[in-house]
Amino acid sequence: MKRIQDLNVRATEALVPPRQLKDTMPPDEGIVRTVVDARATIRAVLSGTDRRFLCLVGPCSIHDPEAALEYAGQLVKLRDRISDRIYIMMRVYFEKPRTSVGWKGLINDPHMDDSCDMREGIKIARRLLLEINRLGLPAATELLDPITPQYIADLISWTAIGARTTESQTHREMASGLSMPVGFKNTTDGNLQAAINAVQSARSPHSFLGITQDGLSAVIRTSGNPDTHVVLRGGRKPNYDAASIAECEHMLSAAGLEPRVLVDCSHAQTSKDYTKQPGVLAALVEQVRAGSHAIMGAMVESNLNPGNQPISSDRSKLKYGVSVTDPCIDWPTTERCLLAAAESLAR
């Protein structure tokens, strides 16, 4: 008899159940407090009761846990200096959507050699999240694979649904059950209505297929996530200017949603010129100072060192603290532009 299933499957490898991994890498009381407090703060910023400027800052993607921890150590010191005006979280992105092909991130391929040792990738990701949260620094990420949250979502304080997946029903359903605030980006061509539709969808109850903490297939039934919002990342043209913000504000109000947005300072906002990010951040701060109540914060892609680099089969040839995905501004530039933003907001 001819085979009629798994014709294109080379192998299947069992994963440890989420509960088992969490039992071996549990959060302590301090880590739990960091996550709970950060989620509550983001909700307050979203509602406008906390008037601080939210900043999600960090590498485009994590590929070197050692460099990520060094970056976190720098960021937490800066965070403490300006916490009365800017609420800082670290971008800790483990999954990267690809337009065609390429490295899919640390969870998918931690050794960066197409071995795709996902079992090890999940462990590395959870261990790093524990260490970053232990510093008192809350973590933000993008959740791409619908199975991943069962392994790491308890250590995440804010999540993005990316421009390529905002219209995905699977991701809207997943977001409806997540325990943290979720930002939906406008699509890559700049479609804002798709992000607004996603926000509304994720606020509604859903039923879908997933896995339990014990790794069993199950029907997941959610109550909806009330803390979803829009992230502007540009499209065919930037959309961080005052006119674009006002248009977004109007569309959100018309949809019965809070007229509050987060703005990604990278990607299409800068025509992919990473050095323009500080200028975008400064422009957003000026709009806030001019009276805009729509802008709740910004995202900045930043690393220890500037630019990016191609992935080499010889890991020893990779430059330390340099992105292997989108280019990032370096730490001195990051510190300088955030301190300037804090000073401007104080005035």
C-alpha atoms as a PDB file:
ATOM      1  CA  MET A   1       0.000   0.000   0.000  1.00  0.00           C
ATOM      2  CA  LYS A   2       1.316   3.425  -0.906  1.00  0.00           C
ATOM      3  CA  ARG A   3       2.037   5.974   1.821  1.00  0.00           C
ATOM      4  CA  ILE A   4      -0.442   8.837   1.919  1.00  0.00           C
ATOM      5  CA  GLN A   5       0.864  10.883   4.881  1.00  0.00           C
ATOM      6  CA  ASP A   6       4.133  12.483   6.036  1.00  0.00           C
ATOM      7  CA  LEU A   7       5.426  12.315   2.474  1.00  0.00           C
ATOM      8  CA  ASN A   8       7.551  15.448   2.987  1.00  0.00           C
ATOM      9  CA  VAL A   9       8.437  14.883   6.657  1.00  0.00           C
ATOM     10  CA  ARG A  10      12.020  13.815   7.307  1.00  0.00           C
ATOM     11  CA  ALA A  11      11.718  13.266  11.057  1.00  0.00           C
ATOM     12  CA  THR A  12       9.734  14.118  14.179  1.00  0.00           C
ATOM     13  CA  GLU A  13      11.379  14.839  17.518  1.00  0.00           C
ATOM     14  CA  ALA A  14       9.482  14.922  20.794  1.00  0.00           C
ATOM     15  CA  LEU A  15       9.700  18.072  22.923  1.00  0.00           C
ATOM     16  CA  VAL A  16       9.774  18.132  26.697  1.00  0.00           C
ATOM     17  CA  PRO A  17       6.307  19.137  27.994  1.00  0.00           C
ATOM     18  CA  PRO A  18       6.095  22.827  28.996  1.00  0.00           C
ATOM     19  CA  ARG A  19       5.346  21.974  32.637  1.00  0.00           C
ATOM     20  CA  GLN A  20       8.458  19.814  32.890  1.00  0.00           C
ATOM     21  CA  LEU A  21      10.711  22.557  31.520  1.00  0.00           C
ATOM     22  CA  LYS A  22       9.171  25.117  33.871  1.00  0.00           C
ATOM     23  CA  ASP A  23       9.653  22.785  36.835  1.00  0.00           C
ATOM     24  CA  THR A  24      13.384  22.601  36.060  1.00  0.00           C
ATOM     25  CA  MET A  25      13.641  26.386  35.395  1.00  0.00           C
ATOM     26  CA  PRO A  26      11.089  28.051  37.681  1.00  0.00           C
ATOM     27  CA  PRO A  27      10.887  31.807  38.317  1.00  0.00           C
ATOM     28  CA  ASP A  28      11.590  33.015  41.843  1.00  0.00           C
ATOM     29  CA  GLU A  29       9.453  35.551  43.681  1.00  0.00           C
ATOM     30  CA  GLY A  30      11.493  38.507  42.454  1.00  0.00           C
ATOM     31  CA  ILE A  31      11.130  37.465  38.810  1.00  0.00           C
ATOM     32  CA  VAL A  32       7.376  37.021  39.201  1.00  0.00           C
ATOM     33  CA  ARG A  33       7.157  40.497  40.726  1.00  0.00           C
ATOM     34  CA  THR A  34       9.086  41.984  37.782  1.00  0.00           C
ATOM     35  CA  VAL A  35       6.685  40.418  35.272  1.00  0.00           C
ATOM     36  CA  VAL A  36       3.503  41.288  37.191  1.00  0.00           C
ATOM     37  CA  ASP A  37       4.559  44.884  37.845  1.00  0.00           C
ATOM     38  CA  ALA A  38       5.631  45.435  34.227  1.00  0.00           C
ATOM     39  CA  ARG A  39       2.371  44.115  32.805  1.00  0.00           C
ATOM     40  CA  ALA A  40       0.405  46.340  35.187  1.00  0.00           C
ATOM     41  CA  THR A  41       2.518  49.359  34.217  1.00  0.00           C
ATOM     42  CA  ILE A  42       1.977  48.775  30.496  1.00  0.00           C
ATOM     43  CA  ARG A  43      -1.772  48.537  31.072  1.00  0.00           C
ATOM     44  CA  ALA A  44      -1.638  51.844  32.957  1.00  0.00           C
ATOM     45  CA  VAL A  45       0.367  53.459  30.145  1.00  0.00           C
ATOM     46  CA  LEU A  46      -2.125  52.113  27.594  1.00  0.00           C
ATOM     47  CA  SER A  47      -5.047  53.561  29.544  1.00  0.00           C
ATOM     48  CA  GLY A  48      -3.236  56.873  30.081  1.00  0.00           C
ATOM     49  CA  THR A  49      -3.253  56.686  33.886  1.00  0.00           C
ATOM     50  CA  ASP A  50       0.536  56.337  33.820  1.00  0.00           C
ATOM     51  CA  ARG A  51       1.846  59.216  31.711  1.00  0.00           C
ATOM     52  CA  ARG A  52       5.366  57.865  31.314  1.00  0.00           C
ATOM     53  CA  PHE A  53       6.747  57.166  27.839  1.00  0.00           C
ATOM     54  CA  LEU A  54       7.092  53.421  27.184  1.00  0.00           C
ATOM     55  CA  CYS A  55      10.325  52.365  25.456  1.00  0.00           C
ATOM     56  CA  LEU A  56      11.016  48.829  24.209  1.00  0.00           C
ATOM     57  CA  VAL A  57      14.745  48.810  23.547  1.00  0.00           C
ATOM     58  CA  GLY A  58      17.143  46.078  22.494  1.00  0.00           C
ATOM     59  CA  PRO A  59      18.556  43.900  19.715  1.00  0.00           C
ATOM     60  CA  CYS A  60      16.586  43.072  16.599  1.00  0.00           C
ATOM     61  CA  SER A  61      17.136  39.442  17.577  1.00  0.00           C
ATOM     62  CA  ILE A  62      19.034  37.471  20.212  1.00  0.00           C
ATOM     63  CA  HIS A  63      21.706  35.097  18.959  1.00  0.00           C
ATOM     64  CA  ASP A  64      24.357  35.351  21.712  1.00  0.00           C
ATOM     65  CA  PRO A  65      23.015  35.043  25.293  1.00  0.00           C
ATOM     66  CA  GLU A  66      26.296  36.354  26.737  1.00  0.00           C
ATOM     67  CA  ALA A  67      26.104  39.579  24.738  1.00  0.00           C
ATOM     68  CA  ALA A  68      22.384  39.877  25.501  1.00  0.00           C
ATOM     69  CA  LEU A  69      23.079  39.727  29.230  1.00  0.00           C
ATOM     70  CA  GLU A  70      25.825  42.341  28.957  1.00  0.00           C
ATOM     71  CA  TYR A  71      23.385  44.562  27.086  1.00  0.00           C
ATOM     72  CA  ALA A  72      20.721  43.962  29.746  1.00  0.00           C
ATOM     73  CA  GLY A  73      23.182  45.029  32.450  1.00  0.00           C
ATOM     74  CA  GLN A  74      23.765  48.336  30.666  1.00  0.00           C
ATOM     75  CA  LEU A  75      20.079  48.880  29.980  1.00  0.00           C
ATOM     76  CA  VAL A  76      18.932  48.291  33.537  1.00  0.00           C
ATOM     77  CA  LYS A  77      21.329  50.980  34.815  1.00  0.00           C
ATOM     78  CA  LEU A  78      19.983  53.475  32.295  1.00  0.00           C
ATOM     79  CA  ARG A  79      16.434  52.399  33.138  1.00  0.00           C
ATOM     80  CA  ASP A  80      16.930  53.348  36.776  1.00  0.00           C
ATOM     81  CA  ARG A  81      18.227  56.814  35.827  1.00  0.00           C
ATOM     82  CA  ILE A  82      15.183  57.856  33.800  1.00  0.00           C
ATOM     83  CA  SER A  83      12.376  55.719  35.231  1.00  0.00           C
ATOM     84  CA  ASP A  84      10.363  58.750  36.341  1.00  0.00           C
ATOM     85  CA  ARG A  85       9.841  59.799  32.699  1.00  0.00           C
ATOM     86  CA  ILE A  86      10.517  56.739  30.537  1.00  0.00           C
ATOM     87  CA  TYR A  87       9.551  53.164  31.335  1.00  0.00           C
ATOM     88  CA  ILE A  88      12.135  50.893  29.692  1.00  0.00           C
ATOM     89  CA  MET A  89      11.770  47.244  28.748  1.00  0.00           C
ATOM     90  CA  MET A  90      14.251  45.079  26.847  1.00  0.00           C
ATOM     91  CA  ARG A  91      13.538  43.603  23.431  1.00  0.00           C
ATOM     92  CA  VAL A  92      14.331  39.889  23.765  1.00  0.00           C
ATOM     93  CA  TYR A  93      13.354  38.520  20.353  1.00  0.00           C
ATOM     94  CA  PHE A  94      13.890  34.784  19.802  1.00  0.00           C
ATOM     95  CA  GLU A  95      11.731  34.196  16.702  1.00  0.00           C
ATOM     96  CA  LYS A  96      12.165  35.981  13.383  1.00  0.00           C
ATOM     97  CA  PRO A  97       9.646  35.805  10.530  1.00  0.00           C
ATOM     98  CA  ARG A  98      11.334  35.603   7.143  1.00  0.00           C
ATOM     99  CA  THR A  99      10.071  37.133   3.912  1.00  0.00           C
ATOM    100  CA  SER A 100      11.420  34.096   2.034  1.00  0.00           C
ATOM    101  CA  VAL A 101      14.191  32.114   3.768  1.00  0.00           C
ATOM    102  CA  GLY A 102      16.864  32.801   6.377  1.00  0.00           C
ATOM    103  CA  TRP A 103      17.753  32.276  10.016  1.00  0.00           C
ATOM    104  CA  LYS A 104      14.508  31.956  11.987  1.00  0.00           C
ATOM    105  CA  GLY A 105      15.894  32.878  15.380  1.00  0.00           C
ATOM    106  CA  LEU A 106      17.475  31.384  18.478  1.00  0.00           C
ATOM    107  CA  ILE A 107      14.610  29.073  19.410  1.00  0.00           C
ATOM    108  CA  ASN A 108      14.430  27.561  15.925  1.00  0.00           C
ATOM    109  CA  ASP A 109      18.168  27.308  15.250  1.00  0.00           C
ATOM    110  CA  PRO A 110      20.276  28.155  18.328  1.00  0.00           C
ATOM    111  CA  HIS A 111      23.547  26.909  16.790  1.00  0.00           C
ATOM    112  CA  MET A 112      22.961  28.941  13.603  1.00  0.00           C
ATOM    113  CA  ASP A 113      23.982  26.009  11.405  1.00  0.00           C
ATOM    114  CA  ASP A 114      20.603  24.763  10.126  1.00  0.00           C
ATOM    115  CA  SER A 115      20.643  21.959  12.686  1.00  0.00           C
ATOM    116  CA  CYS A 116      17.447  23.488  14.130  1.00  0.00           C
ATOM    117  CA  ASP A 117      17.970  22.074  17.623  1.00  0.00           C
ATOM    118  CA  MET A 118      14.704  23.513  18.923  1.00  0.00           C
ATOM    119  CA  ARG A 119      14.784  21.487  22.111  1.00  0.00           C
ATOM    120  CA  GLU A 120      17.984  23.268  23.100  1.00  0.00           C
ATOM    121  CA  GLY A 121      16.739  26.588  21.732  1.00  0.00           C
ATOM    122  CA  ILE A 122      13.728  26.607  24.050  1.00  0.00           C
ATOM    123  CA  LYS A 123      15.953  25.885  27.047  1.00  0.00           C
ATOM    124  CA  ILE A 124      18.405  28.656  26.153  1.00  0.00           C
ATOM    125  CA  ALA A 125      15.555  31.130  25.649  1.00  0.00           C
ATOM    126  CA  ARG A 126      13.923  30.345  28.988  1.00  0.00           C
ATOM    127  CA  ARG A 127      17.236  30.485  30.853  1.00  0.00           C
ATOM    128  CA  LEU A 128      18.057  33.892  29.378  1.00  0.00           C
ATOM    129  CA  LEU A 129      14.611  35.288  30.186  1.00  0.00           C
ATOM    130  CA  LEU A 130      15.026  34.181  33.795  1.00  0.00           C
ATOM    131  CA  GLU A 131      18.392  35.952  34.031  1.00  0.00           C
ATOM    132  CA  ILE A 132      17.147  39.193  32.434  1.00  0.00           C
ATOM    133  CA  ASN A 133      14.033  39.350  34.620  1.00  0.00           C
ATOM    134  CA  ARG A 134      16.172  38.600  37.671  1.00  0.00           C
ATOM    135  CA  LEU A 135      17.908  41.941  37.031  1.00  0.00           C
ATOM    136  CA  GLY A 136      14.534  43.627  37.468  1.00  0.00           C
ATOM    137  CA  LEU A 137      14.376  44.288  33.716  1.00  0.00           C
ATOM    138  CA  PRO A 138      11.083  43.205  32.082  1.00  0.00           C
ATOM    139  CA  ALA A 139      11.226  41.476  28.701  1.00  0.00           C
ATOM    140  CA  ALA A 140       9.341  42.118  25.464  1.00  0.00           C
ATOM    141  CA  THR A 141       9.293  39.762  22.496  1.00  0.00           C
ATOM    142  CA  GLU A 142       7.485  38.749  19.317  1.00  0.00           C
ATOM    143  CA  LEU A 143       5.622  35.461  19.493  1.00  0.00           C
ATOM    144  CA  LEU A 144       5.550  33.721  16.145  1.00  0.00           C
ATOM    145  CA  ASP A 145       5.011  29.994  16.648  1.00  0.00           C
ATOM    146  CA  PRO A 146       1.750  29.242  18.525  1.00  0.00           C
ATOM    147  CA  ILE A 147       3.428  26.484  20.577  1.00  0.00           C
ATOM    148  CA  THR A 148       6.234  28.709  21.912  1.00  0.00           C
ATOM    149  CA  PRO A 149       4.163  30.672  24.485  1.00  0.00           C
ATOM    150  CA  GLN A 150       3.563  27.565  26.584  1.00  0.00           C
ATOM    151  CA  TYR A 151       7.320  27.460  27.250  1.00  0.00           C
ATOM    152  CA  ILE A 152       8.238  31.117  27.837  1.00  0.00           C
ATOM    153  CA  ALA A 153       5.161  33.380  28.038  1.00  0.00           C
ATOM    154  CA  ASP A 154       5.164  33.428  31.848  1.00  0.00           C
ATOM    155  CA  LEU A 155       8.434  35.407  31.645  1.00  0.00           C
ATOM    156  CA  ILE A 156       7.238  37.922  29.009  1.00  0.00           C
ATOM    157  CA  SER A 157       5.670  41.281  29.929  1.00  0.00           C
ATOM    158  CA  TRP A 158       4.777  42.537  26.422  1.00  0.00           C
ATOM    159  CA  THR A 159       4.407  40.794  23.077  1.00  0.00           C
ATOM    160  CA  ALA A 160       4.333  41.914  19.463  1.00  0.00           C
ATOM    161  CA  ILE A 161       2.473  40.278  16.626  1.00  0.00           C
ATOM    162  CA  GLY A 162       4.496  41.210  13.572  1.00  0.00           C
ATOM    163  CA  ALA A 163       3.574  42.899  10.332  1.00  0.00           C
ATOM    164  CA  ARG A 164       3.575  39.586   8.446  1.00  0.00           C
ATOM    165  CA  THR A 165       1.258  37.829  10.931  1.00  0.00           C
ATOM    166  CA  THR A 166      -1.134  40.583  12.013  1.00  0.00           C
ATOM    167  CA  GLU A 167      -3.756  39.280   9.568  1.00  0.00           C
ATOM    168  CA  SER A 168      -3.271  35.657  10.667  1.00  0.00           C
ATOM    169  CA  GLN A 169      -6.271  34.166  12.442  1.00  0.00           C
ATOM    170  CA  THR A 170      -3.950  31.800  14.320  1.00  0.00           C
ATOM    171  CA  HIS A 171      -2.028  34.713  15.841  1.00  0.00           C
ATOM    172  CA  ARG A 172      -5.150  36.696  16.679  1.00  0.00           C
ATOM    173  CA  GLU A 173      -6.522  33.639  18.480  1.00  0.00           C
ATOM    174  CA  MET A 174      -3.229  33.100  20.292  1.00  0.00           C
ATOM    175  CA  ALA A 175      -3.137  36.758  21.391  1.00  0.00           C
ATOM    176  CA  SER A 176      -6.659  36.459  22.785  1.00  0.00           C
ATOM    177  CA  GLY A 177      -5.389  34.004  25.380  1.00  0.00           C
ATOM    178  CA  LEU A 178      -2.043  35.594  26.273  1.00  0.00           C
ATOM    179  CA  SER A 179      -1.639  37.023  29.769  1.00  0.00           C
ATOM    180  CA  MET A 180       0.298  40.151  28.796  1.00  0.00           C
ATOM    181  CA  PRO A 181      -0.443  43.229  26.641  1.00  0.00           C
ATOM    182  CA  VAL A 182      -0.050  42.545  22.916  1.00  0.00           C
ATOM    183  CA  GLY A 183       0.776  45.020  20.155  1.00  0.00           C
ATOM    184  CA  PHE A 184      -0.307  44.328  16.559  1.00  0.00           C
ATOM    185  CA  LYS A 185       1.824  45.982  13.884  1.00  0.00           C
ATOM    186  CA  ASN A 186       0.345  47.446  10.733  1.00  0.00           C
ATOM    187  CA  THR A 187       1.122  45.272   7.702  1.00  0.00           C
ATOM    188  CA  THR A 188       4.289  45.641   5.635  1.00  0.00           C
ATOM    189  CA  ASP A 189       2.425  47.689   3.014  1.00  0.00           C
ATOM    190  CA  GLY A 190       1.165  50.066   5.724  1.00  0.00           C
ATOM    191  CA  ASN A 191      -2.380  48.710   6.111  1.00  0.00           C
ATOM    192  CA  LEU A 192      -3.559  50.114   9.437  1.00  0.00           C
ATOM    193  CA  GLN A 193      -7.084  48.719   9.286  1.00  0.00           C
ATOM    194  CA  ALA A 194      -5.677  45.177   9.434  1.00  0.00           C
ATOM    195  CA  ALA A 195      -3.999  45.960  12.769  1.00  0.00           C
ATOM    196  CA  ILE A 196      -7.184  47.530  14.138  1.00  0.00           C
ATOM    197  CA  ASN A 197      -9.157  44.464  13.050  1.00  0.00           C
ATOM    198  CA  ALA A 198      -6.592  42.289  14.819  1.00  0.00           C
ATOM    199  CA  VAL A 199      -6.922  44.283  18.047  1.00  0.00           C
ATOM    200  CA  GLN A 200     -10.691  43.856  17.982  1.00  0.00           C
ATOM    201  CA  SER A 201     -10.432  40.158  17.149  1.00  0.00           C
ATOM    202  CA  ALA A 202      -7.956  39.424  19.944  1.00  0.00           C
ATOM    203  CA  ARG A 203     -10.192  41.163  22.473  1.00  0.00           C
ATOM    204  CA  SER A 204     -12.926  38.626  21.720  1.00  0.00           C
ATOM    205  CA  PRO A 205     -13.220  35.043  23.007  1.00  0.00           C
ATOM    206  CA  HIS A 206     -11.869  32.282  20.750  1.00  0.00           C
ATOM    207  CA  SER A 207     -11.607  28.508  20.655  1.00  0.00           C
ATOM    208  CA  PHE A 208      -8.706  26.890  18.833  1.00  0.00           C
ATOM    209  CA  LEU A 209      -6.313  23.954  18.897  1.00  0.00           C
ATOM    210  CA  GLY A 210      -3.169  24.066  21.029  1.00  0.00           C
ATOM    211  CA  ILE A 211      -1.234  22.137  23.644  1.00  0.00           C
ATOM    212  CA  THR A 212      -1.608  21.882  27.411  1.00  0.00           C
ATOM    213  CA  GLN A 213       1.157  22.404  29.965  1.00  0.00           C
ATOM    214  CA  ASP A 214       1.605  18.630  29.865  1.00  0.00           C
ATOM    215  CA  GLY A 215       2.154  18.710  26.096  1.00  0.00           C
ATOM    216  CA  LEU A 216      -1.190  17.168  25.096  1.00  0.00           C
ATOM    217  CA  SER A 217      -3.257  18.351  22.145  1.00  0.00           C
ATOM    218  CA  ALA A 218      -6.262  20.281  23.390  1.00  0.00           C
ATOM    219  CA  VAL A 219      -8.999  22.748  22.553  1.00  0.00           C
ATOM    220  CA  ILE A 220      -8.016  26.115  24.048  1.00  0.00           C
ATOM    221  CA  ARG A 221     -10.906  28.418  24.956  1.00  0.00           C
ATOM    222  CA  THR A 222     -10.049  32.053  25.734  1.00  0.00           C
ATOM    223  CA  SER A 223     -11.908  35.001  27.225  1.00  0.00           C
ATOM    224  CA  GLY A 224     -10.156  37.608  25.034  1.00  0.00           C
ATOM    225  CA  ASN A 225      -7.252  39.932  25.788  1.00  0.00           C
ATOM    226  CA  PRO A 226      -8.378  43.492  26.718  1.00  0.00           C
ATOM    227  CA  ASP A 227      -4.831  44.892  26.522  1.00  0.00           C
ATOM    228  CA  THR A 228      -4.257  44.713  22.765  1.00  0.00           C
ATOM    229  CA  HIS A 229      -3.202  47.796  20.820  1.00  0.00           C
ATOM    230  CA  VAL A 230      -1.685  49.028  17.538  1.00  0.00           C
ATOM    231  CA  VAL A 231       2.010  49.399  16.685  1.00  0.00           C
ATOM    232  CA  LEU A 232       2.915  51.694  13.777  1.00  0.00           C
ATOM    233  CA  ARG A 233       5.974  50.482  11.846  1.00  0.00           C
ATOM    234  CA  GLY A 234       5.574  52.318   8.549  1.00  0.00           C
ATOM    235  CA  GLY A 235       4.689  50.773   5.201  1.00  0.00           C
ATOM    236  CA  ARG A 236       5.269  52.129   1.737  1.00  0.00           C
ATOM    237  CA  LYS A 237       6.100  55.340   3.589  1.00  0.00           C
ATOM    238  CA  PRO A 238       6.745  56.277   7.243  1.00  0.00           C
ATOM    239  CA  ASN A 239       3.720  56.784   9.492  1.00  0.00           C
ATOM    240  CA  TYR A 240       5.175  58.383  12.625  1.00  0.00           C
ATOM    241  CA  ASP A 241       4.465  61.986  11.548  1.00  0.00           C
ATOM    242  CA  ALA A 242       1.733  64.007  13.264  1.00  0.00           C
ATOM    243  CA  ALA A 243      -0.737  63.596  10.390  1.00  0.00           C
ATOM    244  CA  SER A 244      -0.343  59.800  10.368  1.00  0.00           C
ATOM    245  CA  ILE A 245      -0.666  59.617  14.141  1.00  0.00           C
ATOM    246  CA  ALA A 246      -3.832  61.733  13.985  1.00  0.00           C
ATOM    247  CA  GLU A 247      -5.290  59.465  11.289  1.00  0.00           C
ATOM    248  CA  CYS A 248      -4.569  56.400  13.415  1.00  0.00           C
ATOM    249  CA  GLU A 249      -6.088  58.113  16.453  1.00  0.00           C
ATOM    250  CA  HIS A 250      -9.260  58.853  14.478  1.00  0.00           C
ATOM    251  CA  MET A 251      -9.538  55.283  13.166  1.00  0.00           C
ATOM    252  CA  LEU A 252      -9.072  53.803  16.633  1.00  0.00           C
ATOM    253  CA  SER A 253     -11.711  56.073  18.139  1.00  0.00           C
ATOM    254  CA  ALA A 254     -14.121  55.233  15.329  1.00  0.00           C
ATOM    255  CA  ALA A 255     -13.596  51.539  16.103  1.00  0.00           C
ATOM    256  CA  GLY A 256     -14.367  52.131  19.789  1.00  0.00           C
ATOM    257  CA  LEU A 257     -10.761  51.537  20.849  1.00  0.00           C
ATOM    258  CA  GLU A 258      -8.429  53.608  23.001  1.00  0.00           C
ATOM    259  CA  PRO A 259      -6.683  56.149  20.715  1.00  0.00           C
ATOM    260  CA  ARG A 260      -3.232  55.068  21.901  1.00  0.00           C
ATOM    261  CA  VAL A 261      -0.388  53.765  19.715  1.00  0.00           C
ATOM    262  CA  LEU A 262       3.161  52.501  20.064  1.00  0.00           C
ATOM    263  CA  VAL A 263       5.576  53.479  17.298  1.00  0.00           C
ATOM    264  CA  ASP A 264       8.396  51.309  15.954  1.00  0.00           C
ATOM    265  CA  CYS A 265      11.310  53.663  15.222  1.00  0.00           C
ATOM    266  CA  SER A 266      12.920  51.176  12.822  1.00  0.00           C
ATOM    267  CA  HIS A 267      11.872  49.289   9.675  1.00  0.00           C
ATOM    268  CA  ALA A 268       9.870  51.376   7.199  1.00  0.00           C
ATOM    269  CA  GLN A 269       9.929  54.413   9.487  1.00  0.00           C
ATOM    270  CA  THR A 270      13.568  54.943   8.518  1.00  0.00           C
ATOM    271  CA  SER A 271      13.526  53.385   5.022  1.00  0.00           C
ATOM    272  CA  LYS A 272      15.692  50.717   6.686  1.00  0.00           C
ATOM    273  CA  ASP A 273      18.434  53.219   7.593  1.00  0.00           C
ATOM    274  CA  TYR A 274      19.011  52.253  11.219  1.00  0.00           C
ATOM    275  CA  THR A 275      20.994  55.440  11.962  1.00  0.00           C
ATOM    276  CA  LYS A 276      17.772  57.477  11.616  1.00  0.00           C
ATOM    277  CA  GLN A 277      16.136  55.839  14.643  1.00  0.00           C
ATOM    278  CA  PRO A 278      17.203  58.543  17.139  1.00  0.00           C
ATOM    279  CA  GLY A 279      15.629  61.143  14.850  1.00  0.00           C
ATOM    280  CA  VAL A 280      12.329  59.252  14.776  1.00  0.00           C
ATOM    281  CA  LEU A 281      12.378  58.932  18.570  1.00  0.00           C
ATOM    282  CA  ALA A 282      13.075  62.651  18.956  1.00  0.00           C
ATOM    283  CA  ALA A 283      10.196  63.489  16.597  1.00  0.00           C
ATOM    284  CA  LEU A 284       7.809  61.338  18.640  1.00  0.00           C
ATOM    285  CA  VAL A 285       8.907  62.979  21.890  1.00  0.00           C
ATOM    286  CA  GLU A 286       8.360  66.402  20.350  1.00  0.00           C
ATOM    287  CA  GLN A 287       4.811  65.400  19.409  1.00  0.00           C
ATOM    288  CA  VAL A 288       4.186  64.316  22.995  1.00  0.00           C
ATOM    289  CA  ARG A 289       5.575  67.618  24.258  1.00  0.00           C
ATOM    290  CA  ALA A 290       3.308  69.426  21.798  1.00  0.00           C
ATOM    291  CA  GLY A 291       0.281  67.801  23.392  1.00  0.00           C
ATOM    292  CA  SER A 292      -0.255  64.470  21.591  1.00  0.00           C
ATOM    293  CA  HIS A 293      -2.016  61.981  23.848  1.00  0.00           C
ATOM    294  CA  ALA A 294      -2.047  59.230  21.215  1.00  0.00           C
ATOM    295  CA  ILE A 295       1.632  58.250  21.406  1.00  0.00           C
ATOM    296  CA  MET A 296       2.225  55.919  24.330  1.00  0.00           C
ATOM    297  CA  GLY A 297       5.783  54.946  23.478  1.00  0.00           C
ATOM    298  CA  ALA A 298       8.341  53.659  21.001  1.00  0.00           C
ATOM    299  CA  MET A 299      10.454  50.680  19.984  1.00  0.00           C
ATOM    300  CA  VAL A 300      14.173  51.056  19.233  1.00  0.00           C
ATOM    301  CA  GLU A 301      16.469  48.412  17.731  1.00  0.00           C
ATOM    302  CA  SER A 302      19.748  48.683  19.596  1.00  0.00           C
ATOM    303  CA  ASN A 303      22.749  46.496  20.369  1.00  0.00           C
ATOM    304  CA  LEU A 304      26.159  46.773  21.996  1.00  0.00           C
ATOM    305  CA  ASN A 305      27.749  47.621  18.648  1.00  0.00           C
ATOM    306  CA  PRO A 306      26.314  49.188  15.484  1.00  0.00           C
ATOM    307  CA  GLY A 307      25.079  47.728  12.217  1.00  0.00           C
ATOM    308  CA  ASN A 308      24.665  44.064  11.381  1.00  0.00           C
ATOM    309  CA  GLN A 309      26.680  41.162   9.990  1.00  0.00           C
ATOM    310  CA  PRO A 310      26.102  38.031   7.908  1.00  0.00           C
ATOM    311  CA  ILE A 311      25.840  34.715   9.709  1.00  0.00           C
ATOM    312  CA  SER A 312      29.048  32.718   9.386  1.00  0.00           C
ATOM    313  CA  SER A 313      29.348  28.949   9.634  1.00  0.00           C
ATOM    314  CA  ASP A 314      32.310  29.680  11.913  1.00  0.00           C
ATOM    315  CA  ARG A 315      30.746  31.214  15.020  1.00  0.00           C
ATOM    316  CA  SER A 316      34.159  32.466  16.170  1.00  0.00           C
ATOM    317  CA  LYS A 317      34.162  34.904  13.235  1.00  0.00           C
ATOM    318  CA  LEU A 318      31.014  36.695  14.418  1.00  0.00           C
ATOM    319  CA  LYS A 319      31.589  40.162  15.836  1.00  0.00           C
ATOM    320  CA  TYR A 320      30.569  40.442  19.462  1.00  0.00           C
ATOM    321  CA  GLY A 321      27.399  42.401  20.168  1.00  0.00           C
ATOM    322  CA  VAL A 322      26.513  42.973  16.493  1.00  0.00           C
ATOM    323  CA  SER A 323      23.116  41.994  15.088  1.00  0.00           C
ATOM    324  CA  VAL A 324      22.799  39.107  12.622  1.00  0.00           C
ATOM    325  CA  THR A 325      19.378  40.313  11.438  1.00  0.00           C
ATOM    326  CA  ASP A 326      18.356  43.987  11.087  1.00  0.00           C
ATOM    327  CA  PRO A 327      21.065  46.587  11.806  1.00  0.00           C
ATOM    328  CA  CYS A 328      20.940  48.318  15.192  1.00  0.00           C
ATOM    329  CA  ILE A 329      22.268  51.519  16.716  1.00  0.00           C
ATOM    330  CA  ASP A 330      25.093  50.980  19.221  1.00  0.00           C
ATOM    331  CA  TRP A 331      24.926  51.368  22.994  1.00  0.00           C
ATOM    332  CA  PRO A 332      26.463  54.875  23.250  1.00  0.00           C
ATOM    333  CA  THR A 333      23.955  56.154  20.681  1.00  0.00           C
ATOM    334  CA  THR A 334      21.119  54.394  22.512  1.00  0.00           C
ATOM    335  CA  GLU A 335      22.085  55.915  25.834  1.00  0.00           C
ATOM    336  CA  ARG A 336      22.488  59.354  24.305  1.00  0.00           C
ATOM    337  CA  CYS A 337      19.088  59.410  22.544  1.00  0.00           C
ATOM    338  CA  LEU A 338      17.183  58.010  25.526  1.00  0.00           C
ATOM    339  CA  LEU A 339      18.762  60.490  27.924  1.00  0.00           C
ATOM    340  CA  ALA A 340      17.886  63.284  25.490  1.00  0.00           C
ATOM    341  CA  ALA A 341      14.303  62.007  25.281  1.00  0.00           C
ATOM    342  CA  ALA A 342      14.020  61.895  29.058  1.00  0.00           C
ATOM    343  CA  GLU A 343      15.385  65.430  29.376  1.00  0.00           C
ATOM    344  CA  SER A 344      12.979  66.700  26.717  1.00  0.00           C
ATOM    345  CA  LEU A 345      10.015  65.017  28.405  1.00  0.00           C
ATOM    346  CA  ALA A 346      11.016  66.562  31.736  1.00  0.00           C
ATOM    347  CA  ARG A 347      10.827  70.021  30.167  1.00  0.00           C
END
